[in-house]
N, C-alpha and C. Protein backbone atom coordinates (compact mmCIF):
# COMPACT_ATOMS: atom_id res chain seq x y z
N MET A 1 -42.11 35.43 8.38
CA MET A 1 -42.84 36.28 7.41
C MET A 1 -43.98 36.83 8.01
N ILE A 2 -44.23 38.14 7.84
CA ILE A 2 -45.31 38.80 8.47
C ILE A 2 -46.41 38.86 7.37
N LEU A 3 -47.71 38.67 7.87
CA LEU A 3 -48.85 38.76 6.97
C LEU A 3 -49.25 40.19 6.68
N THR A 4 -49.77 40.46 5.45
CA THR A 4 -50.29 41.74 5.11
C THR A 4 -51.67 41.88 5.58
N GLY A 5 -52.21 43.09 5.60
CA GLY A 5 -53.51 43.25 6.09
C GLY A 5 -54.58 42.38 5.16
N LYS A 6 -54.26 42.51 3.84
CA LYS A 6 -55.21 41.69 3.00
C LYS A 6 -55.14 40.18 3.31
N SER A 7 -53.97 39.64 3.60
CA SER A 7 -53.77 38.29 4.05
C SER A 7 -54.45 37.88 5.35
N ILE A 8 -54.41 38.81 6.31
CA ILE A 8 -55.14 38.72 7.56
C ILE A 8 -56.65 38.55 7.25
N GLU A 9 -57.20 39.47 6.46
CA GLU A 9 -58.53 39.41 6.15
C GLU A 9 -58.93 38.09 5.46
N GLU A 10 -58.11 37.67 4.57
CA GLU A 10 -58.35 36.38 3.82
C GLU A 10 -58.41 35.19 4.76
N PHE A 11 -57.42 35.20 5.79
CA PHE A 11 -57.27 34.12 6.69
C PHE A 11 -58.36 34.09 7.80
N VAL A 12 -58.87 35.28 8.10
CA VAL A 12 -60.01 35.40 9.01
C VAL A 12 -61.25 34.68 8.27
N ARG A 13 -61.40 35.10 7.03
CA ARG A 13 -62.53 34.54 6.21
C ARG A 13 -62.41 33.05 6.14
N ASN A 14 -61.29 32.51 5.88
CA ASN A 14 -61.21 31.06 5.67
C ASN A 14 -61.01 30.31 7.02
N GLY A 15 -60.93 30.99 8.12
CA GLY A 15 -60.81 30.23 9.45
C GLY A 15 -59.45 30.06 9.99
N ASP A 16 -58.45 30.36 9.27
CA ASP A 16 -57.02 30.13 9.71
C ASP A 16 -56.59 31.10 10.86
N ILE A 17 -57.32 32.26 10.90
CA ILE A 17 -57.19 33.20 12.00
C ILE A 17 -58.57 33.58 12.49
N SER A 18 -58.60 33.70 13.81
CA SER A 18 -59.93 34.00 14.49
C SER A 18 -59.75 35.43 15.15
N ILE A 19 -60.63 36.29 14.72
CA ILE A 19 -60.77 37.60 15.35
C ILE A 19 -62.34 37.94 15.47
N SER A 20 -62.76 38.10 16.78
CA SER A 20 -64.13 38.27 16.97
C SER A 20 -64.29 39.27 18.07
N PRO A 21 -65.12 40.40 17.87
CA PRO A 21 -65.72 40.82 16.55
C PRO A 21 -64.70 41.18 15.62
N PHE A 22 -64.93 41.09 14.33
CA PHE A 22 -64.06 41.42 13.25
C PHE A 22 -64.59 42.73 12.48
N SER A 23 -63.72 43.66 12.16
CA SER A 23 -64.17 44.75 11.38
C SER A 23 -63.17 45.17 10.35
N LYS A 24 -63.59 45.23 9.07
CA LYS A 24 -62.61 45.55 7.93
C LYS A 24 -61.92 46.97 8.16
N ASN A 25 -62.63 47.78 9.05
CA ASN A 25 -62.11 49.15 9.28
C ASN A 25 -60.93 49.04 10.18
N ASN A 26 -60.60 47.86 10.84
CA ASN A 26 -59.45 47.80 11.71
C ASN A 26 -58.23 47.18 10.99
N ILE A 27 -58.41 46.81 9.69
CA ILE A 27 -57.29 46.25 8.92
C ILE A 27 -56.34 47.32 8.61
N THR A 28 -55.03 47.19 8.82
CA THR A 28 -54.00 48.09 8.40
C THR A 28 -53.12 47.42 7.29
N THR A 29 -52.02 48.00 6.92
CA THR A 29 -51.15 47.47 5.87
C THR A 29 -50.68 46.06 6.22
N ASN A 30 -50.24 45.95 7.48
CA ASN A 30 -49.77 44.57 7.90
C ASN A 30 -50.11 44.27 9.32
N SER A 31 -51.30 44.74 9.73
CA SER A 31 -51.68 44.45 11.11
C SER A 31 -53.18 44.59 11.25
N TYR A 32 -53.76 44.39 12.40
CA TYR A 32 -55.16 44.52 12.70
C TYR A 32 -55.20 45.28 14.01
N ASP A 33 -55.95 46.41 14.02
CA ASP A 33 -56.16 47.32 15.24
C ASP A 33 -57.05 46.64 16.25
N LEU A 34 -56.53 46.66 17.55
CA LEU A 34 -57.38 46.13 18.71
C LEU A 34 -58.00 47.28 19.47
N THR A 35 -59.08 47.00 20.00
CA THR A 35 -59.78 48.07 20.66
C THR A 35 -59.86 47.73 22.20
N LEU A 36 -59.91 48.71 22.95
CA LEU A 36 -59.91 48.62 24.49
C LEU A 36 -61.19 48.26 25.10
N GLY A 37 -61.22 47.25 25.94
CA GLY A 37 -62.44 46.84 26.66
C GLY A 37 -62.66 47.73 27.86
N CYS A 38 -63.69 47.36 28.71
CA CYS A 38 -64.09 48.23 29.78
C CYS A 38 -63.72 47.83 31.07
N GLN A 39 -63.11 46.73 31.24
CA GLN A 39 -62.58 46.24 32.52
C GLN A 39 -61.04 46.43 32.72
N PHE A 40 -60.75 46.78 33.87
CA PHE A 40 -59.19 47.06 34.26
C PHE A 40 -58.95 46.33 35.60
N ILE A 41 -57.71 45.93 35.71
CA ILE A 41 -57.25 45.35 36.97
C ILE A 41 -56.19 46.25 37.55
N ARG A 42 -56.40 46.56 38.84
CA ARG A 42 -55.31 47.36 39.59
C ARG A 42 -54.88 46.52 40.81
N TYR A 43 -53.68 46.18 40.82
CA TYR A 43 -53.15 45.51 41.93
C TYR A 43 -53.28 46.24 43.25
N SER A 44 -53.65 45.57 44.32
CA SER A 44 -53.92 46.33 45.55
C SER A 44 -52.82 46.09 46.70
N GLU A 45 -51.79 45.31 46.24
CA GLU A 45 -50.84 45.04 47.22
C GLU A 45 -49.59 45.94 46.95
N GLU A 46 -48.70 46.27 47.94
CA GLU A 46 -47.64 47.16 47.67
C GLU A 46 -46.51 46.39 47.04
N VAL A 47 -46.34 45.12 47.33
CA VAL A 47 -45.25 44.33 46.81
C VAL A 47 -45.89 43.17 46.04
N MET A 48 -45.50 43.01 44.78
CA MET A 48 -45.95 41.89 43.89
C MET A 48 -44.99 40.61 44.29
N ASP A 49 -45.68 39.48 44.48
CA ASP A 49 -45.05 38.26 44.87
C ASP A 49 -45.41 37.19 43.76
N PRO A 50 -44.43 36.88 42.96
CA PRO A 50 -44.73 35.88 41.86
C PRO A 50 -45.08 34.43 42.46
N LYS A 51 -44.74 34.26 43.75
CA LYS A 51 -45.09 32.85 44.30
C LYS A 51 -46.53 32.81 44.82
N LYS A 52 -47.16 33.88 44.92
CA LYS A 52 -48.57 33.82 45.40
C LYS A 52 -49.54 34.57 44.47
N GLU A 53 -50.90 34.33 44.59
CA GLU A 53 -51.92 35.08 43.89
C GLU A 53 -51.95 36.40 44.60
N ASN A 54 -51.66 37.54 43.83
CA ASN A 54 -51.66 38.88 44.35
C ASN A 54 -53.21 39.42 44.26
N LYS A 55 -53.46 40.18 45.31
CA LYS A 55 -54.85 40.70 45.44
C LYS A 55 -54.91 41.90 44.42
N TYR A 56 -56.07 42.10 43.95
CA TYR A 56 -56.34 43.23 42.93
C TYR A 56 -57.80 43.61 42.99
N ASP A 57 -58.13 44.84 42.39
CA ASP A 57 -59.44 45.29 42.36
C ASP A 57 -59.77 45.32 40.78
N ILE A 58 -60.96 44.99 40.50
CA ILE A 58 -61.49 45.19 39.11
C ILE A 58 -62.25 46.51 39.02
N ILE A 59 -61.82 47.17 37.96
CA ILE A 59 -62.39 48.54 37.81
C ILE A 59 -63.30 48.46 36.51
N GLU A 60 -64.56 48.85 36.57
CA GLU A 60 -65.48 48.87 35.42
C GLU A 60 -65.35 50.32 34.95
N CYS A 61 -65.26 50.55 33.62
CA CYS A 61 -65.11 51.86 33.07
C CYS A 61 -66.33 52.07 32.10
N GLY A 62 -66.89 53.23 32.25
CA GLY A 62 -67.97 53.67 31.37
C GLY A 62 -67.58 54.59 30.30
N PRO A 63 -68.40 55.16 29.45
CA PRO A 63 -68.02 55.99 28.39
C PRO A 63 -67.20 57.29 28.77
N GLU A 64 -67.25 57.67 30.09
CA GLU A 64 -66.48 58.75 30.43
C GLU A 64 -64.97 58.43 30.52
N GLY A 65 -64.62 57.22 30.44
CA GLY A 65 -63.26 56.85 30.36
C GLY A 65 -62.71 56.53 31.68
N ILE A 66 -61.40 56.34 31.69
CA ILE A 66 -60.57 56.11 32.93
C ILE A 66 -59.35 56.95 32.91
N LEU A 67 -58.99 57.55 33.99
CA LEU A 67 -57.88 58.46 34.00
C LEU A 67 -56.67 57.67 34.70
N LEU A 68 -55.62 57.57 33.96
CA LEU A 68 -54.36 56.99 34.47
C LEU A 68 -53.49 58.12 34.81
N SER A 69 -52.93 58.23 36.02
CA SER A 69 -51.93 59.08 36.46
C SER A 69 -50.58 58.73 36.05
N LYS A 70 -49.73 59.65 36.08
CA LYS A 70 -48.25 59.37 35.63
C LYS A 70 -47.74 58.22 36.50
N GLY A 71 -47.15 57.27 35.87
CA GLY A 71 -46.63 56.08 36.66
C GLY A 71 -47.61 54.94 36.93
N ASP A 72 -48.87 55.09 36.61
CA ASP A 72 -49.94 54.08 36.90
C ASP A 72 -49.67 52.80 36.11
N PHE A 73 -49.96 51.75 36.65
CA PHE A 73 -49.88 50.44 35.97
C PHE A 73 -51.26 49.72 36.21
N LEU A 74 -51.88 49.38 35.13
CA LEU A 74 -53.19 48.68 35.08
C LEU A 74 -53.11 47.55 34.04
N LEU A 75 -53.82 46.47 34.21
CA LEU A 75 -54.05 45.52 33.26
C LEU A 75 -55.46 45.72 32.63
N ALA A 76 -55.54 45.66 31.35
CA ALA A 76 -56.70 45.95 30.57
C ALA A 76 -56.88 44.78 29.51
N HIS A 77 -57.89 44.89 28.70
CA HIS A 77 -58.15 43.88 27.76
C HIS A 77 -58.72 44.37 26.38
N SER A 78 -58.46 43.60 25.39
CA SER A 78 -59.03 43.90 24.13
C SER A 78 -60.42 43.52 24.10
N ILE A 79 -61.30 44.22 23.29
CA ILE A 79 -62.62 43.67 23.02
C ILE A 79 -62.64 42.43 22.24
N GLU A 80 -61.63 42.36 21.36
CA GLU A 80 -61.59 41.24 20.42
C GLU A 80 -60.93 40.00 21.07
N LYS A 81 -61.57 38.84 20.77
CA LYS A 81 -60.99 37.52 20.98
C LYS A 81 -60.26 37.08 19.78
N LEU A 82 -58.97 36.65 19.95
CA LEU A 82 -58.24 36.29 18.74
C LEU A 82 -57.39 35.15 19.03
N GLY A 83 -56.90 34.55 17.94
CA GLY A 83 -55.95 33.48 17.97
C GLY A 83 -55.81 32.80 16.68
N SER A 84 -54.91 31.76 16.57
CA SER A 84 -54.66 31.08 15.34
C SER A 84 -53.87 29.75 15.69
N ASN A 85 -54.15 28.80 15.05
CA ASN A 85 -53.44 27.43 15.03
C ASN A 85 -52.35 27.44 13.95
N LYS A 86 -52.33 28.41 12.98
CA LYS A 86 -51.32 28.40 11.97
C LYS A 86 -50.45 29.56 11.95
N TYR A 87 -50.73 30.66 12.65
CA TYR A 87 -49.96 31.96 12.60
C TYR A 87 -49.67 32.36 14.12
N VAL A 88 -48.61 32.99 14.27
CA VAL A 88 -48.24 33.56 15.66
C VAL A 88 -48.57 35.00 15.76
N PRO A 89 -49.51 35.31 16.64
CA PRO A 89 -49.86 36.82 16.84
C PRO A 89 -48.84 37.51 17.78
N ILE A 90 -48.49 38.68 17.41
CA ILE A 90 -47.70 39.54 18.20
C ILE A 90 -48.30 40.85 18.38
N ILE A 91 -48.29 41.36 19.62
CA ILE A 91 -48.98 42.58 19.97
C ILE A 91 -48.04 43.74 20.01
N HIS A 92 -48.62 44.84 19.51
CA HIS A 92 -47.80 46.15 19.43
C HIS A 92 -48.72 47.23 19.84
N ALA A 93 -48.09 48.26 20.34
CA ALA A 93 -48.80 49.54 20.68
C ALA A 93 -49.15 50.26 19.38
N LYS A 94 -50.30 51.09 19.40
CA LYS A 94 -50.60 51.93 18.25
C LYS A 94 -49.55 53.14 18.47
N SER A 95 -48.89 53.52 17.46
CA SER A 95 -47.96 54.65 17.45
C SER A 95 -48.56 55.93 18.07
N SER A 96 -49.80 56.28 17.68
CA SER A 96 -50.53 57.43 18.08
C SER A 96 -50.69 57.32 19.71
N ILE A 97 -50.90 56.18 20.15
CA ILE A 97 -51.07 56.07 21.65
C ILE A 97 -49.68 56.18 22.39
N ALA A 98 -48.73 55.54 21.78
CA ALA A 98 -47.34 55.52 22.38
C ALA A 98 -46.89 57.04 22.43
N ARG A 99 -47.25 57.87 21.44
CA ARG A 99 -46.79 59.17 21.39
C ARG A 99 -47.44 60.07 22.51
N LEU A 100 -48.44 59.44 23.12
CA LEU A 100 -49.04 60.19 24.32
C LEU A 100 -48.54 59.65 25.58
N GLY A 101 -47.45 58.89 25.63
CA GLY A 101 -46.79 58.46 26.76
C GLY A 101 -47.30 57.17 27.36
N LEU A 102 -48.09 56.29 26.62
CA LEU A 102 -48.59 55.09 27.18
C LEU A 102 -47.95 53.86 26.62
N PHE A 103 -47.40 53.10 27.55
CA PHE A 103 -46.95 51.65 27.16
C PHE A 103 -48.20 50.85 27.17
N VAL A 104 -48.45 50.06 25.99
CA VAL A 104 -49.55 49.15 25.98
C VAL A 104 -49.26 47.70 26.41
N HIS A 105 -48.01 47.40 26.12
CA HIS A 105 -47.42 46.22 26.74
C HIS A 105 -46.04 46.39 27.19
N ILE A 106 -45.76 45.93 28.41
CA ILE A 106 -44.41 46.20 28.97
C ILE A 106 -43.40 45.34 28.23
N THR A 107 -43.47 44.03 28.36
CA THR A 107 -42.63 43.18 27.68
C THR A 107 -43.27 41.92 26.98
N ALA A 108 -44.48 41.67 27.38
CA ALA A 108 -45.16 40.45 26.90
C ALA A 108 -45.96 40.69 25.67
N ASP A 109 -45.26 40.59 24.43
CA ASP A 109 -45.91 40.86 23.17
C ASP A 109 -46.31 39.58 22.42
N LEU A 110 -45.74 38.46 22.89
CA LEU A 110 -45.89 37.24 22.12
C LEU A 110 -47.20 36.50 22.53
N ILE A 111 -48.05 36.17 21.69
CA ILE A 111 -49.23 35.27 21.87
C ILE A 111 -48.89 33.91 21.24
N ASP A 112 -48.79 32.90 22.09
CA ASP A 112 -48.50 31.55 21.54
C ASP A 112 -49.43 31.10 20.57
N ILE A 113 -48.86 30.40 19.52
CA ILE A 113 -49.62 29.75 18.44
C ILE A 113 -50.64 28.73 19.25
N GLY A 114 -51.90 28.86 18.82
CA GLY A 114 -52.91 28.00 19.45
C GLY A 114 -53.55 28.52 20.63
N SER A 115 -53.17 29.81 21.00
CA SER A 115 -53.83 30.41 22.24
C SER A 115 -55.03 31.30 21.59
N PHE A 116 -56.16 31.19 22.21
CA PHE A 116 -57.24 31.99 21.83
C PHE A 116 -57.90 32.62 23.00
N GLY A 117 -58.25 33.95 22.86
CA GLY A 117 -58.89 34.66 23.90
C GLY A 117 -58.65 36.14 23.72
N CYS A 118 -59.14 36.90 24.73
CA CYS A 118 -58.86 38.46 24.73
C CYS A 118 -57.50 38.68 25.07
N VAL A 119 -56.85 39.71 24.49
CA VAL A 119 -55.46 40.09 24.86
C VAL A 119 -55.48 40.87 26.13
N THR A 120 -54.63 40.57 27.05
CA THR A 120 -54.43 41.29 28.24
C THR A 120 -53.26 42.37 27.98
N PHE A 121 -53.61 43.62 28.10
CA PHE A 121 -52.66 44.71 27.90
C PHE A 121 -52.11 45.10 29.26
N GLN A 122 -50.71 45.36 29.29
CA GLN A 122 -50.12 45.79 30.47
C GLN A 122 -49.87 47.31 30.34
N LEU A 123 -50.74 48.22 30.80
CA LEU A 123 -50.78 49.48 30.54
C LEU A 123 -49.75 50.29 31.57
N HIS A 124 -48.91 51.05 31.14
CA HIS A 124 -48.05 51.92 32.02
C HIS A 124 -48.01 53.27 31.40
N SER A 125 -48.41 54.22 32.24
CA SER A 125 -48.51 55.60 31.72
C SER A 125 -47.27 56.39 32.26
N THR A 126 -46.64 57.08 31.27
CA THR A 126 -45.50 57.93 31.63
C THR A 126 -46.00 59.43 31.87
N LEU A 127 -47.26 59.71 31.39
CA LEU A 127 -47.90 61.00 31.53
C LEU A 127 -49.33 60.66 31.99
N PRO A 128 -50.04 61.67 32.58
CA PRO A 128 -51.48 61.43 32.83
C PRO A 128 -52.12 61.28 31.49
N ILE A 129 -53.06 60.36 31.37
CA ILE A 129 -53.80 60.11 30.09
C ILE A 129 -55.17 59.53 30.46
N ARG A 130 -56.17 59.91 29.70
CA ARG A 130 -57.61 59.40 29.81
C ARG A 130 -57.68 58.34 28.67
N LEU A 131 -58.25 57.21 29.05
CA LEU A 131 -58.54 56.08 28.07
C LEU A 131 -60.01 55.75 28.00
N PHE A 132 -60.42 55.50 26.76
CA PHE A 132 -61.91 55.25 26.66
C PHE A 132 -62.25 53.82 26.04
N PRO A 133 -63.27 53.11 26.57
CA PRO A 133 -63.59 51.81 26.04
C PRO A 133 -63.93 52.01 24.54
N GLY A 134 -63.37 51.02 23.77
CA GLY A 134 -63.77 51.07 22.30
C GLY A 134 -62.66 51.74 21.47
N MET A 135 -61.75 52.52 22.16
CA MET A 135 -60.70 53.29 21.37
C MET A 135 -59.71 52.26 20.90
N LYS A 136 -59.11 52.60 19.76
CA LYS A 136 -58.00 51.75 19.15
C LYS A 136 -56.74 51.94 20.04
N ILE A 137 -56.28 50.90 20.52
CA ILE A 137 -55.16 51.09 21.52
C ILE A 137 -53.89 50.23 21.13
N GLY A 138 -54.11 49.12 20.42
CA GLY A 138 -53.11 48.29 19.97
C GLY A 138 -53.18 47.69 18.69
N GLN A 139 -52.21 46.92 18.28
CA GLN A 139 -52.33 46.20 16.96
C GLN A 139 -51.81 44.83 17.19
N VAL A 140 -52.27 43.90 16.35
CA VAL A 140 -51.69 42.55 16.28
C VAL A 140 -51.20 42.22 14.84
N THR A 141 -50.03 41.67 14.79
CA THR A 141 -49.54 41.25 13.61
C THR A 141 -49.44 39.68 13.63
N PHE A 142 -49.52 39.06 12.50
CA PHE A 142 -49.49 37.58 12.54
C PHE A 142 -48.29 37.16 11.60
N TRP A 143 -47.54 36.10 12.18
CA TRP A 143 -46.30 35.63 11.59
C TRP A 143 -46.43 34.21 11.30
N LYS A 144 -45.82 33.82 10.16
CA LYS A 144 -45.82 32.38 9.78
C LYS A 144 -44.67 31.70 10.56
N PRO A 145 -44.91 30.63 11.24
CA PRO A 145 -43.89 29.91 11.90
C PRO A 145 -43.11 29.00 11.01
N LEU A 146 -41.97 28.56 11.40
CA LEU A 146 -41.03 27.61 10.71
C LEU A 146 -40.88 26.47 11.66
N GLY A 147 -41.29 25.24 11.16
CA GLY A 147 -41.05 24.03 12.10
C GLY A 147 -42.35 23.48 12.50
N GLU A 148 -42.34 22.51 13.25
CA GLU A 148 -43.49 21.86 13.81
C GLU A 148 -44.30 22.64 14.73
N ILE A 149 -45.54 22.75 14.56
CA ILE A 149 -46.46 23.57 15.39
C ILE A 149 -47.02 22.64 16.54
N ILE A 150 -46.74 23.22 17.77
CA ILE A 150 -47.28 22.55 18.93
C ILE A 150 -48.18 23.58 19.53
N PRO A 151 -49.62 23.49 19.48
CA PRO A 151 -50.56 24.61 20.03
C PRO A 151 -50.28 24.77 21.54
N TYR A 152 -50.55 25.95 21.91
CA TYR A 152 -50.52 26.38 23.31
C TYR A 152 -51.64 25.73 24.01
N SER A 153 -51.41 25.31 25.27
CA SER A 153 -52.47 24.70 26.19
C SER A 153 -52.24 25.20 27.52
N GLY A 154 -51.76 26.39 27.71
CA GLY A 154 -51.34 26.86 29.04
C GLY A 154 -52.40 27.58 29.92
N LYS A 155 -52.06 28.16 30.93
CA LYS A 155 -52.96 28.71 31.97
C LYS A 155 -53.76 29.92 31.56
N TYR A 156 -53.41 30.53 30.55
CA TYR A 156 -54.20 31.80 30.07
C TYR A 156 -55.11 31.45 28.87
N GLN A 157 -55.15 30.15 28.47
CA GLN A 157 -56.11 29.79 27.35
C GLN A 157 -57.46 30.22 27.63
N GLY A 158 -58.11 30.80 26.65
CA GLY A 158 -59.56 31.19 26.69
C GLY A 158 -59.78 32.46 27.52
N SER A 159 -58.84 33.29 27.72
CA SER A 159 -58.95 34.51 28.54
C SER A 159 -60.14 35.34 28.07
N VAL A 160 -60.96 35.84 29.01
CA VAL A 160 -61.96 36.76 28.66
C VAL A 160 -61.79 37.93 29.74
N GLY A 161 -61.63 39.14 29.23
CA GLY A 161 -61.40 40.28 30.09
C GLY A 161 -59.99 40.28 30.49
N PRO A 162 -59.51 41.16 31.27
CA PRO A 162 -58.03 41.21 31.73
C PRO A 162 -57.76 40.03 32.56
N ARG A 163 -56.54 39.44 32.56
CA ARG A 163 -56.28 38.34 33.43
C ARG A 163 -55.01 38.71 34.25
N ALA A 164 -55.17 38.67 35.48
CA ALA A 164 -53.98 39.00 36.50
C ALA A 164 -53.04 37.82 36.24
N SER A 165 -51.81 38.09 36.81
CA SER A 165 -50.69 37.10 36.71
C SER A 165 -50.99 35.89 37.34
N MET A 166 -50.66 34.74 36.74
CA MET A 166 -50.74 33.40 37.29
C MET A 166 -49.35 32.77 37.49
N ALA A 167 -48.27 33.66 37.67
CA ALA A 167 -46.95 33.22 37.89
C ALA A 167 -46.75 32.24 39.01
N TYR A 168 -47.71 32.44 39.95
CA TYR A 168 -47.65 31.48 41.16
C TYR A 168 -47.88 30.02 40.84
N SER A 169 -48.49 29.78 39.74
CA SER A 169 -48.84 28.43 39.33
C SER A 169 -47.57 27.72 38.81
N ASP A 170 -46.59 28.54 38.41
CA ASP A 170 -45.23 27.95 37.99
C ASP A 170 -44.35 27.47 39.12
N PHE A 171 -44.77 27.91 40.33
CA PHE A 171 -43.98 27.41 41.54
C PHE A 171 -44.56 26.16 42.12
N LYS A 172 -45.84 25.80 41.80
CA LYS A 172 -46.41 24.63 42.34
C LYS A 172 -45.76 23.36 41.83
N VAL A 173 -45.56 22.43 42.69
CA VAL A 173 -44.81 21.25 42.34
C VAL A 173 -45.89 20.09 42.04
């Protein structure tokens, strides 16, 4: 069951959902709009290896924005920190942004219940596009789970800013 915008607002007020900073202007019919932060990660290696920590550069972006060329891949982050111990957050692109040729998340849209932190967006541009810090870029919906809740306690807990892949930690014995 998906929560309505009014329910999201109510559950933020009573503490069942955490969104910070929170703005009533970002509430939609059944989601909450997420805004783009000012840090980006660009991998600097030609081949990504999930068994090791891949090298990357951190790019700070000012009000002039950042230009993504066709085919670029960057990691970015939401300004908002969010999470819930009672509801499952799912990330979606804003339709208006998708219509400009930008994938906001490639495949990783699920935020585990009990995970709290900034959202890391996996940005892939199919056309050249300029992005600006603070712009609405994604949405989060909240879903009521069925069954026993076991809160997330994994490697990305408490993320601040964009987080590079930590897949290498899955290979350690």
